[in-house]
Amino acid sequence: MSAHRSPAVARLRRVRWMMTGLVTVITATTVLIFGFVAASVDSRFRTADSDLLAQKVSSGLARAIQYDQETKSLDLSQVVDDELAMGTAGVIVAVRGPGEPWKQAHTYERSKMPSDSEISTLATQTEDHSDGTIYTETVFTTTDITGREVRVVGTPVYWSDWDNIVVILASSEAVSDAGAHRMLVLWLAIGGFALVAVATAAAYLLSGRSQREALRMLDEHEQFLGDAAHELRTPLTTLKLLTESRPKPEEVQQTLAEARRLADRMARLVTGLLARARMQSGIAEPERTMLRLDQLAEAVAEEAADPRLVVTAHPSVVVGDPALLSLAIRNMLENGLTHGAVNRAAPVEVHVAEGRVSVRDHGPGVDPVMSASPFNRGAAGRTGRNGIGLALVAWVAQAHGGNASIEPAVGGGTIATLWLPPADITAGAQPARM
């Protein structure tokens, strides 16, 4: 069973997408607010620049207008020649006599100014707003004759000896350099979209990375449950049959011995599975004890109490966990006894020397189908599916920095070998006696 298809993993994946979505929403909201504020501030500053330009032109030209008392007419020569009247701002000089409509005495960049009727309205409003005070500026927001939004500043001019009223109207874009403002908004949109995309991708990757350990532990949990269920199913079934068989009085002792054997086997399986699960999750570490591997193998073979076991042991000192190494050797012996059962009279030979434990049986040999991965949990061969026993042997070997192998033996059968690095007996530690 794979944890990647379990409901727990499905929930973790939903949480991952929820976290990614939440980060995306927060980032998008932040970017949107930032972009709006940045665009608004830029627009406000550009509007202020536009107003400043229109005010400068309107106020400056108002002070440049002269009244010719002899001809009783306006002198616009200084206005026409003034640099302010030749810039980017539109200019209209509106004049009105008592009871007369407004007339445009001078225009510049007429397309940047409102329509004639709007000009008359703005001039009148400027006059009314000034309340008879000269050079009182009034700012308007309107559109020019092309439909663009503009800012218009009106400045009135009065003379005590002349009844006419003059209003200088100057206009500029509502947002100065509107093209640059639009480009800023465009780049803010592009940059914001890119930032949201990067934040979304980063959130997805980081949330996945943060869940990697949880997924690994879930996978190990599911593997532990699957291995336990697979390995315990057969001995439990056999034990159930033994208890339901109602043995004869002369068979009771044999039945009890078989039940104890099955119970011991299940206990070893559970111990091995728990040890592997605890160490893979980082809860525990293998014990590092200097020990005699030959004595350990002899003790395990003695516990097996099978007359087919023939042990040849030479002194061999290694550093390792006695419980885990006993489990691995016991699994190797059970594998040899099981697959060597083709010939009940054939021995299962155990040889210990130089950090190696080799178990040779005289069975049918290594199944070609399993030869590429004999230690993989669930590998299928002619006898069915491989259990957890050999997989635990390989795991114990790797946990001690060694390795395990299974290969055909000369003359038939197989040789299973567990190799551990030899201990440095010069370090001063005394090996534990088994």
Protein backbone atom coordinates (compact mmCIF):
# COMPACT_ATOMS: atom_id res chain seq x y z
CA MET A 1 0.00 0.00 0.00
CA SER A 2 1.42 3.41 -0.92
CA ALA A 3 0.94 6.42 1.30
CA HIS A 4 0.73 8.57 -1.80
CA ARG A 5 -2.80 7.24 -2.36
CA SER A 6 -3.93 7.41 1.27
CA PRO A 7 -6.59 9.84 2.59
CA ALA A 8 -3.99 11.43 4.89
CA VAL A 9 -1.82 12.37 1.92
CA ALA A 10 -4.88 13.65 0.08
CA ARG A 11 -5.58 15.94 3.04
CA LEU A 12 -1.98 17.13 3.07
CA ARG A 13 -2.20 17.93 -0.62
CA ARG A 14 -5.40 19.89 -0.04
CA VAL A 15 -3.66 21.80 2.73
CA ARG A 16 -0.77 22.48 0.34
CA TRP A 17 -3.13 23.96 -2.25
CA MET A 18 -4.94 25.95 0.44
CA MET A 19 -1.65 27.40 1.68
CA THR A 20 -0.62 28.22 -1.88
CA GLY A 21 -3.99 29.86 -2.54
CA LEU A 22 -3.80 31.85 0.69
CA VAL A 23 -0.30 33.13 -0.11
CA THR A 24 -1.48 33.99 -3.63
CA VAL A 25 -4.48 35.95 -2.34
CA ILE A 26 -2.40 37.80 0.26
CA THR A 27 0.33 38.60 -2.26
CA ALA A 28 -2.17 39.68 -4.92
CA THR A 29 -4.01 41.90 -2.42
CA THR A 30 -0.75 43.45 -1.23
CA VAL A 31 0.47 44.02 -4.78
CA LEU A 32 -2.90 45.48 -5.79
CA ILE A 33 -2.90 47.90 -2.85
CA PHE A 34 0.73 48.84 -3.47
CA GLY A 35 0.10 49.35 -7.18
CA PHE A 36 -2.99 51.46 -6.50
CA VAL A 37 -1.14 53.61 -3.97
CA ALA A 38 1.89 53.98 -6.26
CA ALA A 39 -0.28 54.91 -9.26
CA SER A 40 -2.37 57.31 -7.14
CA VAL A 41 0.69 59.03 -5.69
CA ASP A 42 2.25 59.35 -9.13
CA SER A 43 -1.01 60.71 -10.53
CA ARG A 44 -1.31 63.19 -7.66
CA PHE A 45 2.21 64.47 -8.16
CA ARG A 46 1.70 64.74 -11.91
CA THR A 47 -1.58 66.61 -11.36
CA ALA A 48 0.24 68.95 -8.98
CA ASP A 49 2.91 69.52 -11.67
CA SER A 50 0.17 70.18 -14.21
CA ASP A 51 -1.53 72.68 -11.89
CA LEU A 52 1.78 74.36 -11.17
CA LEU A 53 2.47 74.78 -14.90
CA ALA A 54 -0.99 76.20 -15.62
CA GLN A 55 -0.80 78.50 -12.60
CA LYS A 56 2.63 79.75 -13.62
CA VAL A 57 1.47 80.52 -17.15
CA SER A 58 -1.84 82.11 -16.13
CA SER A 59 -0.41 84.21 -13.30
CA GLY A 60 2.68 85.25 -15.28
CA LEU A 61 0.73 86.33 -18.36
CA ALA A 62 -1.82 88.16 -16.21
CA ARG A 63 0.95 90.37 -14.90
CA ALA A 64 2.29 90.89 -18.43
CA ILE A 65 -0.97 92.36 -19.82
CA GLN A 66 -0.93 96.11 -20.22
CA TYR A 67 -3.77 98.59 -20.71
CA ASP A 68 -3.15 101.42 -23.17
CA GLN A 69 -4.96 104.41 -21.73
CA GLU A 70 -4.60 106.48 -24.87
CA THR A 71 -6.20 103.96 -27.18
CA LYS A 72 -8.25 102.44 -24.35
CA SER A 73 -7.34 98.97 -25.50
CA LEU A 74 -5.27 96.04 -24.34
CA ASP A 75 -1.60 95.85 -25.12
CA LEU A 76 -0.90 92.11 -25.73
CA SER A 77 2.55 92.56 -27.20
CA GLN A 78 4.29 91.39 -24.06
CA VAL A 79 1.90 88.47 -23.75
CA VAL A 80 2.49 87.32 -27.29
CA ASP A 81 6.28 87.55 -26.93
CA ASP A 82 6.43 86.03 -23.46
CA GLU A 83 8.02 82.58 -23.23
CA LEU A 84 5.15 81.46 -21.02
CA ALA A 85 2.79 81.91 -23.95
CA MET A 86 4.90 79.78 -26.22
CA GLY A 87 5.29 76.65 -24.12
CA THR A 88 3.27 73.46 -23.83
CA ALA A 89 0.30 75.07 -22.10
CA GLY A 90 -2.76 76.31 -23.98
CA VAL A 91 -3.56 80.02 -23.50
CA ILE A 92 -6.65 82.15 -24.06
CA VAL A 93 -7.02 85.79 -23.16
CA ALA A 94 -10.75 86.45 -22.68
CA VAL A 95 -12.10 90.02 -22.55
CA ARG A 96 -15.56 91.27 -21.68
CA GLY A 97 -17.02 94.75 -21.51
CA PRO A 98 -20.01 95.69 -19.39
CA GLY A 99 -23.07 93.77 -20.61
CA GLU A 100 -21.11 92.13 -23.43
CA PRO A 101 -20.23 88.44 -24.04
CA TRP A 102 -16.72 87.16 -23.62
CA LYS A 103 -14.36 87.63 -26.55
CA GLN A 104 -11.09 85.78 -27.15
CA ALA A 105 -8.42 88.44 -27.67
CA HIS A 106 -5.57 85.94 -27.98
CA THR A 107 -5.25 82.17 -28.25
CA TYR A 108 -2.34 79.74 -28.24
CA GLU A 109 -2.54 75.95 -28.64
CA ARG A 110 -6.29 76.26 -29.03
CA SER A 111 -6.75 72.46 -29.29
CA LYS A 112 -5.63 72.15 -25.68
CA MET A 113 -8.44 74.41 -24.47
CA PRO A 114 -12.15 73.73 -23.96
CA SER A 115 -14.89 74.74 -26.39
CA ASP A 116 -15.90 78.37 -26.79
CA SER A 117 -19.01 78.00 -24.65
CA GLU A 118 -16.95 76.31 -21.93
CA ILE A 119 -14.37 79.10 -22.14
CA SER A 120 -17.09 81.68 -21.49
CA THR A 121 -18.38 79.67 -18.54
CA LEU A 122 -14.89 79.31 -17.01
CA ALA A 123 -14.15 83.02 -17.47
CA THR A 124 -17.41 83.95 -15.75
CA GLN A 125 -16.72 81.57 -12.86
CA THR A 126 -13.22 83.01 -12.51
CA GLU A 127 -14.68 86.51 -12.33
CA ASP A 128 -17.29 85.49 -9.77
CA HIS A 129 -14.74 83.60 -7.65
CA SER A 130 -12.34 86.56 -7.53
CA ASP A 131 -14.95 88.80 -5.91
CA GLY A 132 -13.24 91.81 -7.44
CA THR A 133 -9.74 90.86 -6.29
CA ILE A 134 -7.06 91.02 -8.98
CA TYR A 135 -4.86 88.01 -9.73
CA THR A 136 -7.09 85.56 -7.77
CA GLU A 137 -6.50 82.14 -9.34
CA THR A 138 -9.27 79.59 -9.88
CA VAL A 139 -8.54 75.98 -10.89
CA PHE A 140 -10.93 73.89 -13.00
CA THR A 141 -10.95 70.33 -14.26
CA THR A 142 -12.57 69.94 -17.67
CA THR A 143 -11.91 68.52 -21.15
CA ASP A 144 -10.37 70.14 -24.19
CA ILE A 145 -11.96 70.17 -27.63
CA THR A 146 -10.42 66.75 -28.38
CA GLY A 147 -11.96 65.18 -25.29
CA ARG A 148 -8.82 64.92 -23.18
CA GLU A 149 -9.01 65.83 -19.51
CA VAL A 150 -7.21 69.07 -18.73
CA ARG A 151 -6.61 71.37 -15.80
CA VAL A 152 -7.46 75.02 -16.45
CA VAL A 153 -6.36 77.95 -14.30
CA GLY A 154 -8.11 81.31 -14.64
CA THR A 155 -6.61 84.59 -13.41
CA PRO A 156 -8.64 87.87 -13.61
CA VAL A 157 -7.21 91.32 -14.32
CA TYR A 158 -9.07 94.59 -13.49
CA TRP A 159 -8.27 98.25 -14.03
CA SER A 160 -9.72 101.08 -12.02
CA ASP A 161 -10.00 103.36 -15.03
CA TRP A 162 -11.36 100.75 -17.44
CA ASP A 163 -14.62 98.84 -17.15
CA ASN A 164 -13.52 95.80 -19.16
CA ILE A 165 -12.52 92.58 -17.43
CA VAL A 166 -9.71 90.35 -18.68
CA VAL A 167 -9.32 86.67 -17.69
CA ILE A 168 -6.20 84.72 -18.57
CA LEU A 169 -7.00 81.02 -18.99
CA ALA A 170 -4.10 78.54 -19.17
CA SER A 171 -4.50 74.80 -19.53
CA SER A 172 -2.30 71.71 -19.25
CA GLU A 173 -2.88 67.96 -19.21
CA ALA A 174 -4.74 66.78 -16.13
CA VAL A 175 -1.77 64.43 -15.56
CA SER A 176 1.52 65.81 -16.80
CA ASP A 177 3.36 63.44 -19.14
CA ALA A 178 0.38 61.07 -19.22
CA GLY A 179 2.32 58.62 -21.40
CA ALA A 180 4.91 58.12 -18.66
CA HIS A 181 2.11 57.63 -16.14
CA ARG A 182 0.44 55.01 -18.32
CA MET A 183 3.79 53.27 -18.75
CA LEU A 184 4.24 53.25 -14.98
CA VAL A 185 0.80 51.70 -14.52
CA LEU A 186 1.61 49.10 -17.19
CA TRP A 187 4.88 48.14 -15.53
CA LEU A 188 3.19 48.02 -12.15
CA ALA A 189 0.64 45.59 -13.60
CA ILE A 190 3.31 43.43 -15.27
CA GLY A 191 5.56 43.48 -12.20
CA GLY A 192 2.65 42.74 -9.89
CA PHE A 193 1.53 39.80 -12.01
CA ALA A 194 5.10 38.45 -12.11
CA LEU A 195 5.47 38.89 -8.35
CA VAL A 196 2.19 37.06 -7.68
CA ALA A 197 3.26 34.25 -10.02
CA VAL A 198 6.66 33.94 -8.30
CA ALA A 199 5.05 34.05 -4.85
CA THR A 200 2.55 31.37 -5.89
CA ALA A 201 5.28 29.11 -7.26
CA ALA A 202 7.48 29.69 -4.20
CA ALA A 203 4.57 28.99 -1.84
CA TYR A 204 3.73 25.78 -3.70
CA LEU A 205 7.35 24.58 -3.67
CA LEU A 206 8.05 25.57 -0.05
CA SER A 207 4.80 24.05 1.22
CA GLY A 208 5.65 20.86 -0.65
CA ARG A 209 9.14 20.89 0.82
CA SER A 210 7.76 21.44 4.32
CA GLN A 211 5.43 18.45 3.86
CA ARG A 212 8.14 16.18 2.46
CA GLU A 213 9.09 14.80 5.87
CA ALA A 214 5.43 14.27 6.79
CA LEU A 215 4.87 12.42 3.51
CA ARG A 216 7.92 10.27 4.15
CA MET A 217 6.71 9.39 7.64
CA LEU A 218 3.24 8.62 6.29
CA ASP A 219 4.77 6.39 3.65
CA GLU A 220 6.82 4.59 6.29
CA HIS A 221 3.73 4.28 8.48
CA GLU A 222 1.74 2.75 5.64
CA GLN A 223 4.66 0.47 4.76
CA PHE A 224 4.94 -0.64 8.39
CA LEU A 225 1.24 -1.47 8.55
CA GLY A 226 1.39 -3.27 5.20
CA ASP A 227 4.47 -5.28 6.17
CA ALA A 228 3.00 -6.18 9.56
CA ALA A 229 -0.30 -7.28 8.02
CA HIS A 230 1.48 -9.30 5.32
CA GLU A 231 3.94 -11.02 7.62
CA LEU A 232 1.60 -11.74 10.51
CA ARG A 233 -1.27 -13.05 8.40
CA THR A 234 0.28 -16.51 7.78
CA PRO A 235 1.48 -17.30 11.35
CA LEU A 236 -1.78 -15.99 12.81
CA THR A 237 -3.78 -18.19 10.47
CA THR A 238 -1.62 -21.18 11.35
CA LEU A 239 -1.93 -20.42 15.04
CA LYS A 240 -5.69 -20.19 14.71
CA LEU A 241 -5.82 -23.55 12.98
CA LEU A 242 -3.68 -25.08 15.72
CA THR A 243 -5.99 -23.80 18.45
CA GLU A 244 -9.07 -25.05 16.61
CA SER A 245 -7.64 -28.48 15.70
CA ARG A 246 -8.38 -30.10 19.10
CA PRO A 247 -5.17 -32.18 19.16
CA LYS A 248 -5.05 -35.62 20.70
CA PRO A 249 -3.45 -35.89 24.14
CA GLU A 250 -0.25 -37.29 22.69
CA GLU A 251 -0.06 -34.33 20.24
CA VAL A 252 -0.60 -31.55 22.78
CA GLN A 253 3.08 -30.98 23.49
CA GLN A 254 3.92 -30.85 19.78
CA THR A 255 1.03 -28.42 19.16
CA LEU A 256 2.14 -26.18 22.03
CA ALA A 257 5.72 -26.19 20.72
CA GLU A 258 4.50 -25.19 17.27
CA ALA A 259 2.34 -22.44 18.81
CA ARG A 260 5.34 -21.13 20.75
CA ARG A 261 7.42 -21.19 17.58
CA LEU A 262 4.80 -19.19 15.74
CA ALA A 263 4.49 -16.74 18.62
CA ASP A 264 8.26 -16.30 18.72
CA ARG A 265 8.32 -15.70 14.98
CA MET A 266 5.59 -13.06 15.22
CA ALA A 267 7.40 -11.41 18.13
CA ARG A 268 10.62 -11.23 16.10
CA LEU A 269 8.77 -9.79 13.11
CA VAL A 270 7.10 -7.11 15.20
CA THR A 271 10.40 -6.31 16.94
CA GLY A 272 12.20 -5.98 13.63
CA LEU A 273 9.46 -3.84 12.07
CA LEU A 274 9.27 -1.55 15.11
CA ALA A 275 13.04 -1.18 15.25
CA ARG A 276 13.21 -0.28 11.58
CA ALA A 277 10.30 2.17 11.85
CA ARG A 278 11.79 3.88 14.93
CA MET A 279 15.22 4.23 13.35
CA GLN A 280 13.94 5.40 9.97
CA SER A 281 11.88 8.09 11.70
CA GLY A 282 14.89 9.22 13.73
CA ILE A 283 13.39 8.25 17.10
CA ALA A 284 16.18 5.75 17.85
CA GLU A 285 19.70 4.98 16.69
CA PRO A 286 21.37 1.56 16.36
CA GLU A 287 23.39 0.58 19.39
CA ARG A 288 27.14 0.62 18.77
CA THR A 289 28.72 -2.19 20.79
CA MET A 290 31.91 -4.10 20.06
CA LEU A 291 30.88 -7.75 19.95
CA ARG A 292 31.94 -11.20 18.79
CA LEU A 293 29.97 -11.91 15.61
CA ASP A 294 30.89 -15.62 15.72
CA GLN A 295 29.48 -16.04 19.22
CA LEU A 296 26.33 -14.14 18.28
CA ALA A 297 25.74 -16.39 15.24
CA GLU A 298 26.31 -19.53 17.34
CA ALA A 299 23.80 -18.31 19.93
CA VAL A 300 21.17 -17.59 17.28
CA ALA A 301 21.71 -21.01 15.65
CA GLU A 302 21.42 -22.68 19.05
CA GLU A 303 18.10 -20.93 19.68
CA ALA A 304 16.82 -22.15 16.30
CA ALA A 305 17.42 -25.71 17.51
CA ASP A 306 17.31 -27.21 14.03
CA PRO A 307 19.54 -30.26 13.47
CA ARG A 308 20.17 -29.23 9.86
CA LEU A 309 22.17 -26.17 10.96
CA VAL A 310 25.92 -26.67 10.76
CA VAL A 311 27.92 -23.72 12.15
CA THR A 312 31.56 -23.06 11.41
CA ALA A 313 32.70 -19.94 13.23
CA HIS A 314 36.01 -18.16 13.49
CA PRO A 315 36.64 -15.27 15.89
CA SER A 316 35.30 -12.09 14.34
CA VAL A 317 34.88 -8.75 16.13
CA VAL A 318 32.49 -6.10 14.81
CA VAL A 319 30.72 -3.00 16.12
CA GLY A 320 26.96 -3.15 15.99
CA ASP A 321 23.58 -3.55 17.62
CA PRO A 322 23.30 -7.10 19.08
CA ALA A 323 19.50 -7.17 18.83
CA LEU A 324 19.40 -6.05 15.19
CA LEU A 325 22.25 -8.35 14.16
CA SER A 326 20.54 -11.29 15.92
CA LEU A 327 17.36 -10.47 14.01
CA ALA A 328 19.21 -10.37 10.67
CA ILE A 329 21.06 -13.65 11.29
CA ARG A 330 17.87 -15.36 12.46
CA ASN A 331 16.07 -14.24 9.27
CA MET A 332 18.93 -15.60 7.17
CA LEU A 333 18.74 -18.94 8.95
CA GLU A 334 14.95 -19.13 8.53
CA ASN A 335 15.32 -18.30 4.85
CA GLY A 336 17.92 -21.06 4.41
CA LEU A 337 15.84 -23.60 6.33
CA THR A 338 12.71 -22.72 4.38
CA HIS A 339 14.25 -22.80 0.89
CA GLY A 340 16.52 -25.72 1.71
CA ALA A 341 13.54 -27.87 2.66
CA VAL A 342 13.54 -29.52 -0.80
CA ASN A 343 16.04 -31.98 0.60
CA ARG A 344 15.28 -32.50 4.27
CA ALA A 345 18.54 -34.34 4.79
CA ALA A 346 20.69 -31.57 3.31
CA PRO A 347 22.40 -29.33 5.87
CA VAL A 348 22.17 -25.52 6.07
CA GLU A 349 25.75 -24.41 6.51
CA VAL A 350 26.59 -21.27 8.51
CA HIS A 351 30.08 -19.83 8.18
CA VAL A 352 31.33 -16.86 10.23
CA ALA A 353 34.69 -15.16 9.64
CA GLU A 354 36.11 -11.65 9.17
CA GLY A 355 32.84 -9.80 9.73
CA ARG A 356 30.89 -12.10 7.41
CA VAL A 357 27.99 -14.41 8.14
CA SER A 358 27.24 -16.74 5.23
CA VAL A 359 24.29 -19.11 5.15
CA ARG A 360 24.24 -21.75 2.43
CA ASP A 361 21.29 -23.95 1.67
CA HIS A 362 20.93 -26.81 -0.83
CA GLY A 363 17.57 -25.72 -2.21
CA PRO A 364 16.51 -24.90 -5.78
CA GLY A 365 18.81 -21.89 -6.00
CA VAL A 366 18.12 -18.23 -6.73
CA ASP A 367 15.00 -17.64 -8.79
CA PRO A 368 16.08 -15.82 -11.98
CA VAL A 369 13.07 -13.53 -11.62
CA MET A 370 14.27 -12.39 -8.19
CA SER A 371 17.99 -12.40 -8.86
CA ALA A 372 18.03 -8.67 -9.70
CA SER A 373 16.35 -7.62 -6.44
CA PRO A 374 16.25 -10.50 -3.93
CA PHE A 375 16.10 -8.15 -0.91
CA ASN A 376 13.22 -6.02 -2.15
CA ARG A 377 10.04 -6.28 -0.13
CA GLY A 378 7.39 -7.98 -2.26
CA ALA A 379 9.67 -9.30 -5.00
CA ALA A 380 7.87 -12.24 -6.70
CA GLY A 381 9.48 -15.56 -7.40
CA ARG A 382 8.53 -19.19 -8.00
CA THR A 383 7.63 -19.64 -4.32
CA GLY A 384 5.37 -16.60 -4.18
CA ARG A 385 6.16 -13.13 -2.90
CA ASN A 386 9.26 -12.36 -0.86
CA GLY A 387 8.50 -11.34 2.72
CA ILE A 388 10.03 -8.75 5.00
CA GLY A 389 12.71 -11.10 6.38
CA LEU A 390 15.35 -10.60 3.69
CA ALA A 391 14.47 -6.91 3.39
CA LEU A 392 15.25 -6.54 7.10
CA VAL A 393 18.59 -8.29 6.56
CA ALA A 394 19.57 -5.76 3.92
CA TRP A 395 18.36 -2.85 6.08
CA VAL A 396 20.35 -4.07 9.13
CA ALA A 397 23.46 -4.39 6.96
CA GLN A 398 23.06 -0.86 5.60
CA ALA A 399 22.41 0.54 9.10
CA HIS A 400 25.81 -0.87 10.15
CA GLY A 401 27.66 0.36 7.08
CA GLY A 402 27.82 -3.09 5.50
CA ASN A 403 25.91 -4.92 2.81
CA ALA A 404 24.02 -8.12 2.10
CA SER A 405 23.99 -10.41 -0.93
CA ILE A 406 22.40 -13.60 -2.24
CA GLU A 407 24.09 -15.60 -4.98
CA PRO A 408 24.01 -19.12 -6.45
CA ALA A 409 26.22 -21.65 -4.73
CA VAL A 410 28.51 -24.02 -6.56
CA GLY A 411 26.77 -27.39 -6.77
CA GLY A 412 23.30 -25.95 -6.25
CA GLY A 413 21.52 -23.93 -3.63
CA THR A 414 22.16 -20.35 -2.57
CA ILE A 415 24.52 -18.44 -0.33
CA ALA A 416 23.15 -15.50 1.65
CA THR A 417 25.86 -13.27 3.11
CA LEU A 418 25.80 -10.46 5.66
CA TRP A 419 29.00 -8.39 5.73
CA LEU A 420 29.93 -5.84 8.39
CA PRO A 421 33.03 -3.64 8.57
CA PRO A 422 35.59 -5.20 10.93
CA ALA A 423 36.01 -3.43 14.28
CA ASP A 424 39.15 -1.56 15.23
CA ILE A 425 40.19 -3.68 18.20
CA THR A 426 43.15 -1.35 18.87
CA ALA A 427 40.77 1.34 20.13
CA GLY A 428 40.84 -0.20 23.62
CA ALA A 429 37.20 -1.37 23.92
CA GLN A 430 36.58 -4.93 24.99
CA PRO A 431 34.18 -6.96 22.85
CA ALA A 432 31.00 -8.12 24.54
CA ARG A 433 30.74 -11.84 25.10
CA MET A 434 27.52 -13.43 23.94
